[in-house]
Amino acid sequence: MNTQEEIIEINKKQVEFYNHKSDKKNLPTKIWYYFREKTLKKIRKDIGVLNESYDIHKTWFGDLSNKKVLDLGCFAGNYWSMYLAEHSKKYIALDLSDVAIEKLADRIKPYPNAEAIATDFLSEEFVEKDFDIIYAYGVLHHFQNPDVLIAKLNEKLAPDGVIISYDPLETSLPIKIMRVLYRPFQSDKDWEWPFTKKTYFKFAKTFNIVERHGLLGQAKWYFIMNFVPFMSDQKRQNIGKNWHKKDWNLSATSDNHLFKCMHLTMLMKKK
């Protein structure tokens, strides 16, 4: 696995990719992004996956008035970036992309407690620490070596600090097969490492997983409903929502069900 220094070098390629991502994607990557952003995002929206994950993140934030928050890998701002900037005692947005951070810095100007920094989380240049919350939406799977990442997260957290994360899983057989077939053609494969079982258990060993939920387990088959004739949109969505609820509830306690899911969100606390 890559060392910290090797990951930092890989991350320099990430900067170039995300600063000019429309030019850097090859055809297979563009097709995957289309599937993810158009088809998969629509499914998540239709059956309530998006809203439920966002809502629980807000619940996990709690009262922010006395908290120092790191919005890790936030690009130009995620769903909760502005909320965190407005309500936190201290808010730091961090991303590799200087282009994206410049945009976010302009948006958070009204909040004197907020700043946006373009640098590598692993770099010695990033000296901030003692974060009460590290919000990592779609970020933790960008590190091939979870040991390096976990050590840095632990170092940056305040005592009793928490990490709130959302990442893809590669533990469901159909998804694993699809990703294995896609990977040789993937433009961003050097920094795309969906969680395996081994990765998950590394996090579970280091942090207390206070709460977790898997998403798109049984519900990932929702798209098949579109091919069922004479089914109303309402009935189709009701089936999908029931599947999602089953995934959400069972994955909270069952590893077996969790690893059938495509995505994972966690509230992790420093030991």
C-alpha atoms as a PDB file:
ATOM      1  CA  MET A   1       0.000   0.000   0.000  1.00  0.00           C
ATOM      2  CA  ASN A   2       1.036   3.582  -0.582  1.00  0.00           C
ATOM      3  CA  THR A   3       2.981   5.493   2.066  1.00  0.00           C
ATOM      4  CA  GLN A   4       1.908   8.948   3.189  1.00  0.00           C
ATOM      5  CA  GLU A   5       4.452  10.550   0.857  1.00  0.00           C
ATOM      6  CA  GLU A   6       3.219   8.474  -2.091  1.00  0.00           C
ATOM      7  CA  ILE A   7      -0.404   9.404  -1.351  1.00  0.00           C
ATOM      8  CA  ILE A   8       0.536  13.100  -1.305  1.00  0.00           C
ATOM      9  CA  GLU A   9       2.079  12.685  -4.763  1.00  0.00           C
ATOM     10  CA  ILE A  10      -1.052  10.919  -6.013  1.00  0.00           C
ATOM     11  CA  ASN A  11      -3.135  13.723  -4.573  1.00  0.00           C
ATOM     12  CA  LYS A  12      -1.284  16.205  -6.758  1.00  0.00           C
ATOM     13  CA  LYS A  13      -2.755  14.305  -9.724  1.00  0.00           C
ATOM     14  CA  GLN A  14      -6.164  14.653  -8.071  1.00  0.00           C
ATOM     15  CA  VAL A  15      -5.772  18.429  -8.072  1.00  0.00           C
ATOM     16  CA  GLU A  16      -5.134  18.439 -11.803  1.00  0.00           C
ATOM     17  CA  PHE A  17      -8.029  16.054 -12.415  1.00  0.00           C
ATOM     18  CA  TYR A  18     -10.629  17.942 -10.387  1.00  0.00           C
ATOM     19  CA  ASN A  19      -9.499  21.371 -11.551  1.00  0.00           C
ATOM     20  CA  HIS A  20     -10.007  20.231 -15.137  1.00  0.00           C
ATOM     21  CA  LYS A  21     -12.206  17.167 -14.648  1.00  0.00           C
ATOM     22  CA  SER A  22     -14.355  17.628 -17.759  1.00  0.00           C
ATOM     23  CA  ASP A  23     -11.190  17.367 -19.867  1.00  0.00           C
ATOM     24  CA  LYS A  24      -9.600  14.539 -17.865  1.00  0.00           C
ATOM     25  CA  LYS A  25     -12.401  11.957 -17.978  1.00  0.00           C
ATOM     26  CA  ASN A  26     -12.148   9.255 -20.609  1.00  0.00           C
ATOM     27  CA  LEU A  27     -15.278   7.739 -22.150  1.00  0.00           C
ATOM     28  CA  PRO A  28     -15.742   4.881 -19.617  1.00  0.00           C
ATOM     29  CA  THR A  29     -15.349   7.355 -16.737  1.00  0.00           C
ATOM     30  CA  LYS A  30     -17.877   9.718 -18.317  1.00  0.00           C
ATOM     31  CA  ILE A  31     -20.346   6.827 -18.670  1.00  0.00           C
ATOM     32  CA  TRP A  32     -19.836   5.854 -15.004  1.00  0.00           C
ATOM     33  CA  TYR A  33     -20.289   9.459 -13.860  1.00  0.00           C
ATOM     34  CA  TYR A  34     -23.477   9.677 -15.936  1.00  0.00           C
ATOM     35  CA  PHE A  35     -24.806   6.479 -14.333  1.00  0.00           C
ATOM     36  CA  ARG A  36     -23.881   7.728 -10.881  1.00  0.00           C
ATOM     37  CA  GLU A  37     -25.160  11.291 -11.230  1.00  0.00           C
ATOM     38  CA  LYS A  38     -28.233  10.683 -13.387  1.00  0.00           C
ATOM     39  CA  THR A  39     -29.509   7.156 -12.799  1.00  0.00           C
ATOM     40  CA  LEU A  40     -28.226   6.388  -9.279  1.00  0.00           C
ATOM     41  CA  LYS A  41     -28.877   9.865  -7.915  1.00  0.00           C
ATOM     42  CA  LYS A  42     -32.438   9.747  -9.255  1.00  0.00           C
ATOM     43  CA  ILE A  43     -33.019   6.420  -7.511  1.00  0.00           C
ATOM     44  CA  ARG A  44     -31.643   7.840  -4.249  1.00  0.00           C
ATOM     45  CA  LYS A  45     -33.906  10.862  -4.579  1.00  0.00           C
ATOM     46  CA  ASP A  46     -37.042   8.901  -5.540  1.00  0.00           C
ATOM     47  CA  ILE A  47     -36.943   6.566  -2.552  1.00  0.00           C
ATOM     48  CA  GLY A  48     -35.671   9.012   0.060  1.00  0.00           C
ATOM     49  CA  VAL A  49     -32.078   7.826   0.396  1.00  0.00           C
ATOM     50  CA  LEU A  50     -30.607  11.284  -0.168  1.00  0.00           C
ATOM     51  CA  ASN A  51     -32.851  13.123   2.264  1.00  0.00           C
ATOM     52  CA  GLU A  52     -32.534  10.533   5.021  1.00  0.00           C
ATOM     53  CA  SER A  53     -28.734  10.530   4.888  1.00  0.00           C
ATOM     54  CA  TYR A  54     -28.571  14.337   4.873  1.00  0.00           C
ATOM     55  CA  ASP A  55     -31.082  14.568   7.716  1.00  0.00           C
ATOM     56  CA  ILE A  56     -29.225  12.147   9.949  1.00  0.00           C
ATOM     57  CA  HIS A  57     -25.973  14.016   9.355  1.00  0.00           C
ATOM     58  CA  LYS A  58     -27.635  17.172  10.654  1.00  0.00           C
ATOM     59  CA  THR A  59     -28.839  15.246  13.706  1.00  0.00           C
ATOM     60  CA  TRP A  60     -25.324  13.952  14.290  1.00  0.00           C
ATOM     61  CA  PHE A  61     -23.916  17.509  14.087  1.00  0.00           C
ATOM     62  CA  GLY A  62     -25.941  18.493  17.135  1.00  0.00           C
ATOM     63  CA  ASP A  63     -25.446  21.959  18.586  1.00  0.00           C
ATOM     64  CA  LEU A  64     -22.564  23.510  16.633  1.00  0.00           C
ATOM     65  CA  SER A  65     -22.268  26.748  18.583  1.00  0.00           C
ATOM     66  CA  ASN A  66     -19.236  25.580  20.542  1.00  0.00           C
ATOM     67  CA  LYS A  67     -17.697  23.219  17.993  1.00  0.00           C
ATOM     68  CA  LYS A  68     -14.680  23.408  15.722  1.00  0.00           C
ATOM     69  CA  VAL A  69     -15.570  21.733  12.421  1.00  0.00           C
ATOM     70  CA  LEU A  70     -13.460  20.462   9.540  1.00  0.00           C
ATOM     71  CA  ASP A  71     -15.342  20.062   6.250  1.00  0.00           C
ATOM     72  CA  LEU A  72     -12.921  17.601   4.678  1.00  0.00           C
ATOM     73  CA  GLY A  73     -12.691  17.227   0.897  1.00  0.00           C
ATOM     74  CA  CYS A  74     -15.680  19.489   0.407  1.00  0.00           C
ATOM     75  CA  PHE A  75     -14.716  20.736  -3.094  1.00  0.00           C
ATOM     76  CA  ALA A  76     -16.732  23.941  -3.752  1.00  0.00           C
ATOM     77  CA  GLY A  77     -19.201  23.040  -0.999  1.00  0.00           C
ATOM     78  CA  ASN A  78     -21.374  20.026  -0.232  1.00  0.00           C
ATOM     79  CA  TYR A  79     -25.002  19.927   0.907  1.00  0.00           C
ATOM     80  CA  TRP A  80     -24.193  21.046   4.467  1.00  0.00           C
ATOM     81  CA  SER A  81     -21.159  23.299   3.937  1.00  0.00           C
ATOM     82  CA  MET A  82     -22.997  26.605   4.243  1.00  0.00           C
ATOM     83  CA  TYR A  83     -24.968  25.389   7.257  1.00  0.00           C
ATOM     84  CA  LEU A  84     -21.763  24.322   8.995  1.00  0.00           C
ATOM     85  CA  ALA A  85     -20.073  27.617   8.133  1.00  0.00           C
ATOM     86  CA  GLU A  86     -22.973  29.604   9.553  1.00  0.00           C
ATOM     87  CA  HIS A  87     -23.507  27.714  12.812  1.00  0.00           C
ATOM     88  CA  SER A  88     -20.087  26.436  13.905  1.00  0.00           C
ATOM     89  CA  LYS A  89     -17.890  28.231  16.403  1.00  0.00           C
ATOM     90  CA  LYS A  90     -14.999  27.628  13.988  1.00  0.00           C
ATOM     91  CA  TYR A  91     -15.388  26.205  10.479  1.00  0.00           C
ATOM     92  CA  ILE A  92     -12.572  25.158   8.152  1.00  0.00           C
ATOM     93  CA  ALA A  93     -13.298  23.933   4.635  1.00  0.00           C
ATOM     94  CA  LEU A  94     -10.447  21.873   3.206  1.00  0.00           C
ATOM     95  CA  ASP A  95      -9.961  20.550  -0.306  1.00  0.00           C
ATOM     96  CA  LEU A  96      -7.121  19.772  -2.694  1.00  0.00           C
ATOM     97  CA  SER A  97      -8.615  21.881  -5.481  1.00  0.00           C
ATOM     98  CA  ASP A  98      -7.627  25.551  -5.283  1.00  0.00           C
ATOM     99  CA  VAL A  99     -10.181  26.337  -7.999  1.00  0.00           C
ATOM    100  CA  ALA A 100     -13.034  24.835  -5.969  1.00  0.00           C
ATOM    101  CA  ILE A 101     -11.883  26.327  -2.658  1.00  0.00           C
ATOM    102  CA  GLU A 102     -11.714  29.786  -4.183  1.00  0.00           C
ATOM    103  CA  LYS A 103     -15.399  29.481  -5.083  1.00  0.00           C
ATOM    104  CA  LEU A 104     -16.345  28.281  -1.605  1.00  0.00           C
ATOM    105  CA  ALA A 105     -14.243  30.984   0.063  1.00  0.00           C
ATOM    106  CA  ASP A 106     -16.309  33.587  -1.751  1.00  0.00           C
ATOM    107  CA  ARG A 107     -19.563  31.984  -0.571  1.00  0.00           C
ATOM    108  CA  ILE A 108     -18.563  31.847   3.116  1.00  0.00           C
ATOM    109  CA  LYS A 109     -17.331  35.454   3.314  1.00  0.00           C
ATOM    110  CA  PRO A 110     -20.360  36.514   5.425  1.00  0.00           C
ATOM    111  CA  TYR A 111     -19.168  34.227   8.243  1.00  0.00           C
ATOM    112  CA  PRO A 112     -16.090  35.559  10.104  1.00  0.00           C
ATOM    113  CA  ASN A 113     -15.679  32.220  11.885  1.00  0.00           C
ATOM    114  CA  ALA A 114     -15.212  30.370   8.567  1.00  0.00           C
ATOM    115  CA  GLU A 115     -12.266  29.899   6.245  1.00  0.00           C
ATOM    116  CA  ALA A 116     -11.477  27.773   3.204  1.00  0.00           C
ATOM    117  CA  ILE A 117      -8.053  26.227   2.660  1.00  0.00           C
ATOM    118  CA  ALA A 118      -6.630  24.510  -0.429  1.00  0.00           C
ATOM    119  CA  THR A 119      -4.064  21.999   0.755  1.00  0.00           C
ATOM    120  CA  ASP A 120      -3.587  18.282   1.391  1.00  0.00           C
ATOM    121  CA  PHE A 121      -5.066  16.904   4.616  1.00  0.00           C
ATOM    122  CA  LEU A 122      -1.975  14.702   4.989  1.00  0.00           C
ATOM    123  CA  SER A 123       0.488  17.523   4.374  1.00  0.00           C
ATOM    124  CA  GLU A 124       2.554  19.091   7.146  1.00  0.00           C
ATOM    125  CA  GLU A 125       1.253  22.422   5.845  1.00  0.00           C
ATOM    126  CA  PHE A 126      -2.119  21.678   7.382  1.00  0.00           C
ATOM    127  CA  VAL A 127      -1.454  22.338  11.056  1.00  0.00           C
ATOM    128  CA  GLU A 128      -5.013  22.813  12.379  1.00  0.00           C
ATOM    129  CA  LYS A 129      -6.195  20.161  14.843  1.00  0.00           C
ATOM    130  CA  ASP A 130      -8.526  19.524  17.803  1.00  0.00           C
ATOM    131  CA  PHE A 131     -11.635  19.286  15.646  1.00  0.00           C
ATOM    132  CA  ASP A 132     -14.868  18.398  17.393  1.00  0.00           C
ATOM    133  CA  ILE A 133     -16.346  17.252  14.079  1.00  0.00           C
ATOM    134  CA  ILE A 134     -14.702  16.076  10.885  1.00  0.00           C
ATOM    135  CA  TYR A 135     -17.361  15.946   8.179  1.00  0.00           C
ATOM    136  CA  ALA A 136     -16.187  13.725   5.323  1.00  0.00           C
ATOM    137  CA  TYR A 137     -18.900  13.358   2.700  1.00  0.00           C
ATOM    138  CA  GLY A 138     -17.670  11.068  -0.082  1.00  0.00           C
ATOM    139  CA  VAL A 139     -14.032  11.495   0.978  1.00  0.00           C
ATOM    140  CA  LEU A 140     -12.585   8.638   3.042  1.00  0.00           C
ATOM    141  CA  HIS A 141     -12.605   6.186   0.119  1.00  0.00           C
ATOM    142  CA  HIS A 142     -10.095   8.392  -1.741  1.00  0.00           C
ATOM    143  CA  PHE A 143      -7.215   6.879   0.239  1.00  0.00           C
ATOM    144  CA  GLN A 144      -5.856   3.477  -0.779  1.00  0.00           C
ATOM    145  CA  ASN A 145      -4.057   3.077   2.532  1.00  0.00           C
ATOM    146  CA  PRO A 146      -6.659   3.464   5.298  1.00  0.00           C
ATOM    147  CA  ASP A 147      -3.994   3.129   7.995  1.00  0.00           C
ATOM    148  CA  VAL A 148      -2.389   6.434   6.962  1.00  0.00           C
ATOM    149  CA  LEU A 149      -5.774   8.143   6.811  1.00  0.00           C
ATOM    150  CA  ILE A 150      -7.001   6.733  10.119  1.00  0.00           C
ATOM    151  CA  ALA A 151      -3.836   7.839  11.922  1.00  0.00           C
ATOM    152  CA  LYS A 152      -4.209  11.382  10.575  1.00  0.00           C
ATOM    153  CA  LEU A 153      -7.919  11.545  11.443  1.00  0.00           C
ATOM    154  CA  ASN A 154      -7.162  10.388  14.972  1.00  0.00           C
ATOM    155  CA  GLU A 155      -4.398  12.982  15.270  1.00  0.00           C
ATOM    156  CA  LYS A 156      -6.681  15.820  14.140  1.00  0.00           C
ATOM    157  CA  LEU A 157      -9.679  14.992  16.345  1.00  0.00           C
ATOM    158  CA  ALA A 158     -10.223  16.628  19.711  1.00  0.00           C
ATOM    159  CA  PRO A 159     -10.872  14.330  22.692  1.00  0.00           C
ATOM    160  CA  ASP A 160     -14.395  12.951  22.194  1.00  0.00           C
ATOM    161  CA  GLY A 161     -14.339  14.315  18.641  1.00  0.00           C
ATOM    162  CA  VAL A 162     -16.422  12.606  15.949  1.00  0.00           C
ATOM    163  CA  ILE A 163     -16.190  11.791  12.259  1.00  0.00           C
ATOM    164  CA  ILE A 164     -19.308  11.832  10.105  1.00  0.00           C
ATOM    165  CA  SER A 165     -18.744   9.999   6.852  1.00  0.00           C
ATOM    166  CA  TYR A 166     -20.489   8.801   3.703  1.00  0.00           C
ATOM    167  CA  ASP A 167     -18.703   6.478   1.269  1.00  0.00           C
ATOM    168  CA  PRO A 168     -19.309   3.769  -1.342  1.00  0.00           C
ATOM    169  CA  LEU A 169     -18.945   0.110  -0.432  1.00  0.00           C
ATOM    170  CA  GLU A 170     -17.441  -2.591  -2.625  1.00  0.00           C
ATOM    171  CA  THR A 171     -18.756  -5.519  -0.611  1.00  0.00           C
ATOM    172  CA  SER A 172     -21.830  -6.500  -2.625  1.00  0.00           C
ATOM    173  CA  LEU A 173     -20.949  -9.096  -5.281  1.00  0.00           C
ATOM    174  CA  PRO A 174     -22.814  -7.422  -8.200  1.00  0.00           C
ATOM    175  CA  ILE A 175     -21.197  -4.062  -7.459  1.00  0.00           C
ATOM    176  CA  LYS A 176     -17.759  -5.620  -6.987  1.00  0.00           C
ATOM    177  CA  ILE A 177     -18.025  -7.351 -10.372  1.00  0.00           C
ATOM    178  CA  MET A 178     -19.157  -4.129 -12.051  1.00  0.00           C
ATOM    179  CA  ARG A 179     -16.317  -2.124 -10.500  1.00  0.00           C
ATOM    180  CA  VAL A 180     -13.696  -4.767 -11.380  1.00  0.00           C
ATOM    181  CA  LEU A 181     -14.800  -4.617 -15.020  1.00  0.00           C
ATOM    182  CA  TYR A 182     -14.764  -0.815 -15.003  1.00  0.00           C
ATOM    183  CA  ARG A 183     -11.529  -0.236 -13.090  1.00  0.00           C
ATOM    184  CA  PRO A 184      -8.994  -0.840 -15.931  1.00  0.00           C
ATOM    185  CA  PHE A 185     -10.622   2.015 -17.872  1.00  0.00           C
ATOM    186  CA  GLN A 186     -11.194   4.385 -14.941  1.00  0.00           C
ATOM    187  CA  SER A 187      -9.527   7.808 -15.181  1.00  0.00           C
ATOM    188  CA  ASP A 188      -9.535   8.402 -11.415  1.00  0.00           C
ATOM    189  CA  LYS A 189      -8.697   4.877 -10.252  1.00  0.00           C
ATOM    190  CA  ASP A 190      -5.546   5.968  -8.372  1.00  0.00           C
ATOM    191  CA  TRP A 191      -7.679   7.652  -5.709  1.00  0.00           C
ATOM    192  CA  GLU A 192     -10.963   5.741  -5.863  1.00  0.00           C
ATOM    193  CA  TRP A 193     -11.001   2.930  -3.304  1.00  0.00           C
ATOM    194  CA  PRO A 194     -14.548   2.037  -2.186  1.00  0.00           C
ATOM    195  CA  PHE A 195     -14.654   0.436   1.256  1.00  0.00           C
ATOM    196  CA  THR A 196     -13.997  -3.273   1.491  1.00  0.00           C
ATOM    197  CA  LYS A 197     -14.863  -5.320   4.571  1.00  0.00           C
ATOM    198  CA  LYS A 198     -11.235  -5.018   5.619  1.00  0.00           C
ATOM    199  CA  THR A 199     -11.362  -1.215   5.349  1.00  0.00           C
ATOM    200  CA  TYR A 200     -14.541  -1.028   7.386  1.00  0.00           C
ATOM    201  CA  PHE A 201     -13.122  -3.153  10.189  1.00  0.00           C
ATOM    202  CA  LYS A 202      -9.967  -1.011  10.315  1.00  0.00           C
ATOM    203  CA  PHE A 203     -12.150   2.013  11.091  1.00  0.00           C
ATOM    204  CA  ALA A 204     -14.209  -0.016  13.556  1.00  0.00           C
ATOM    205  CA  LYS A 205     -11.053  -1.079  15.403  1.00  0.00           C
ATOM    206  CA  THR A 206      -9.760   2.490  15.818  1.00  0.00           C
ATOM    207  CA  PHE A 207     -12.982   4.429  16.425  1.00  0.00           C
ATOM    208  CA  ASN A 208     -16.201   3.729  18.288  1.00  0.00           C
ATOM    209  CA  ILE A 209     -18.887   3.425  15.633  1.00  0.00           C
ATOM    210  CA  VAL A 210     -21.745   5.109  17.465  1.00  0.00           C
ATOM    211  CA  GLU A 211     -24.195   4.655  14.600  1.00  0.00           C
ATOM    212  CA  ARG A 212     -24.074   3.416  11.032  1.00  0.00           C
ATOM    213  CA  HIS A 213     -26.434   2.809   8.134  1.00  0.00           C
ATOM    214  CA  GLY A 214     -26.061   1.043   4.813  1.00  0.00           C
ATOM    215  CA  LEU A 215     -27.876   2.340   1.762  1.00  0.00           C
ATOM    216  CA  LEU A 216     -28.894   0.757  -1.534  1.00  0.00           C
ATOM    217  CA  GLY A 217     -28.798  -2.856  -0.440  1.00  0.00           C
ATOM    218  CA  GLN A 218     -32.063  -4.409  -1.553  1.00  0.00           C
ATOM    219  CA  ALA A 219     -33.025  -0.922  -2.745  1.00  0.00           C
ATOM    220  CA  LYS A 220     -30.310  -0.941  -5.423  1.00  0.00           C
ATOM    221  CA  TRP A 221     -32.659  -3.135  -7.469  1.00  0.00           C
ATOM    222  CA  TYR A 222     -35.260  -0.367  -7.532  1.00  0.00           C
ATOM    223  CA  PHE A 223     -34.396   0.467 -11.151  1.00  0.00           C
ATOM    224  CA  ILE A 224     -35.920  -2.879 -12.193  1.00  0.00           C
ATOM    225  CA  MET A 225     -39.304  -1.488 -11.175  1.00  0.00           C
ATOM    226  CA  ASN A 226     -39.135   0.812 -14.196  1.00  0.00           C
ATOM    227  CA  PHE A 227     -39.457  -2.229 -16.436  1.00  0.00           C
ATOM    228  CA  VAL A 228     -42.515  -3.663 -14.676  1.00  0.00           C
ATOM    229  CA  PRO A 229     -45.572  -2.950 -16.871  1.00  0.00           C
ATOM    230  CA  PHE A 230     -48.787  -1.402 -15.551  1.00  0.00           C
ATOM    231  CA  MET A 231     -47.231  -0.278 -12.275  1.00  0.00           C
ATOM    232  CA  SER A 232     -47.992   3.235 -11.085  1.00  0.00           C
ATOM    233  CA  ASP A 233     -45.175   5.588 -10.096  1.00  0.00           C
ATOM    234  CA  GLN A 234     -46.615   5.748  -6.588  1.00  0.00           C
ATOM    235  CA  LYS A 235     -46.615   1.972  -6.126  1.00  0.00           C
ATOM    236  CA  ARG A 236     -43.109   1.749  -7.563  1.00  0.00           C
ATOM    237  CA  GLN A 237     -41.829   4.392  -5.153  1.00  0.00           C
ATOM    238  CA  ASN A 238     -43.567   2.767  -2.194  1.00  0.00           C
ATOM    239  CA  ILE A 239     -41.795  -0.514  -2.919  1.00  0.00           C
ATOM    240  CA  GLY A 240     -38.475   1.307  -3.215  1.00  0.00           C
ATOM    241  CA  LYS A 241     -39.030   3.207   0.032  1.00  0.00           C
ATOM    242  CA  ASN A 242     -39.843  -0.014   1.883  1.00  0.00           C
ATOM    243  CA  TRP A 243     -36.661  -1.599   0.554  1.00  0.00           C
ATOM    244  CA  HIS A 244     -34.671   1.444   1.650  1.00  0.00           C
ATOM    245  CA  LYS A 245     -36.144   1.345   5.168  1.00  0.00           C
ATOM    246  CA  LYS A 246     -35.209  -2.315   5.438  1.00  0.00           C
ATOM    247  CA  ASP A 247     -31.632  -1.538   4.349  1.00  0.00           C
ATOM    248  CA  TRP A 248     -31.390   1.432   6.705  1.00  0.00           C
ATOM    249  CA  ASN A 249     -32.642  -0.431   9.775  1.00  0.00           C
ATOM    250  CA  LEU A 250     -31.082  -3.869   9.310  1.00  0.00           C
ATOM    251  CA  SER A 251     -27.641  -2.560   8.340  1.00  0.00           C
ATOM    252  CA  ALA A 252     -27.424  -0.650  11.620  1.00  0.00           C
ATOM    253  CA  THR A 253     -26.847  -3.919  13.478  1.00  0.00           C
ATOM    254  CA  SER A 254     -26.265  -6.659  10.880  1.00  0.00           C
ATOM    255  CA  ASP A 255     -22.857  -6.845   9.187  1.00  0.00           C
ATOM    256  CA  ASN A 256     -24.313  -9.313   6.719  1.00  0.00           C
ATOM    257  CA  HIS A 257     -26.933  -6.823   5.544  1.00  0.00           C
ATOM    258  CA  LEU A 258     -24.523  -3.884   5.670  1.00  0.00           C
ATOM    259  CA  PHE A 259     -22.170  -5.567   3.232  1.00  0.00           C
ATOM    260  CA  LYS A 260     -24.990  -6.070   0.733  1.00  0.00           C
ATOM    261  CA  CYS A 261     -25.290  -2.290   0.437  1.00  0.00           C
ATOM    262  CA  MET A 262     -23.656   0.103  -2.016  1.00  0.00           C
ATOM    263  CA  HIS A 263     -23.089   3.012   0.386  1.00  0.00           C
ATOM    264  CA  LEU A 264     -22.286   3.450   4.056  1.00  0.00           C
ATOM    265  CA  THR A 265     -22.708   6.412   6.396  1.00  0.00           C
ATOM    266  CA  MET A 266     -21.167   6.415   9.872  1.00  0.00           C
ATOM    267  CA  LEU A 267     -20.899   8.422  13.069  1.00  0.00           C
ATOM    268  CA  MET A 268     -17.523   7.510  14.559  1.00  0.00           C
ATOM    269  CA  LYS A 269     -16.143   8.763  17.882  1.00  0.00           C
ATOM    270  CA  LYS A 270     -12.562   8.984  19.012  1.00  0.00           C
ATOM    271  CA  LYS A 271     -11.698   6.359  21.625  1.00  0.00           C
END
